[in-house]
């Protein structure tokens, strides 16, 4: 994995991310994204409607 897509609404909520080693089970790395729901900006959703 070389990238992750996050919607504009959730972008401020991403507080951490890291790659996960597949330990030989796959040739692609995984990714864990840690969000903080309190950092979501609801005004972004309203602006896109």
Protein backbone atom coordinates (compact mmCIF):
# COMPACT_ATOMS: atom_id res chain seq x y z
CA UNK A 1 0.00 0.00 0.00
CA UNK A 2 1.34 3.39 -0.86
CA UNK A 3 -1.61 5.66 -0.17
CA UNK A 4 -4.97 6.04 1.55
CA UNK A 5 -7.93 8.16 0.53
CA UNK A 6 -9.79 10.19 3.14
CA UNK A 7 -12.84 12.35 2.46
CA UNK A 8 -12.57 16.08 3.27
CA UNK A 9 -15.03 15.56 6.14
CA UNK A 10 -12.75 13.03 7.83
CA UNK A 11 -9.36 14.53 7.01
CA UNK A 12 -9.09 16.65 10.22
CA UNK A 13 -10.00 13.55 12.26
CA UNK A 14 -7.00 11.47 11.18
CA UNK A 15 -4.68 11.50 14.17
CA UNK A 16 -2.38 8.61 13.27
CA UNK A 17 -1.66 6.02 10.61
CA UNK A 18 0.83 3.21 10.14
CA UNK A 19 1.69 0.41 7.78
CA UNK A 20 1.11 -3.23 8.70
CA UNK A 21 3.66 -5.84 7.64
CA UNK A 22 1.89 -8.77 5.92
CA UNK A 23 4.65 -11.10 7.21
CA UNK A 24 4.94 -12.94 3.92
CA UNK A 25 1.21 -13.61 3.49
CA UNK A 26 0.85 -10.95 0.80
CA UNK A 27 3.04 -8.73 -1.33
CA UNK A 28 1.12 -5.60 -0.25
CA UNK A 29 1.38 -3.86 3.09
CA UNK A 30 -1.79 -3.05 5.02
CA UNK A 31 -2.61 0.27 6.66
CA UNK A 32 -4.29 1.25 9.91
CA UNK A 33 -5.81 4.73 10.13
CA UNK A 34 -6.77 6.06 13.57
CA UNK A 35 -9.54 8.69 13.57
CA UNK A 36 -10.72 10.95 16.39
CA UNK A 37 -14.47 11.46 15.85
CA UNK A 38 -14.46 14.70 17.84
CA UNK A 39 -12.20 16.28 15.21
CA UNK A 40 -14.68 15.73 12.33
CA UNK A 41 -15.71 19.07 10.80
CA UNK A 42 -19.46 18.85 9.97
CA UNK A 43 -19.34 22.19 8.12
CA UNK A 44 -17.46 20.42 5.32
CA UNK A 45 -20.40 18.06 4.78
CA UNK A 46 -22.84 20.97 4.69
CA UNK A 47 -20.70 22.81 2.15
CA UNK A 48 -20.74 19.84 -0.23
CA UNK A 49 -24.53 19.37 -0.35
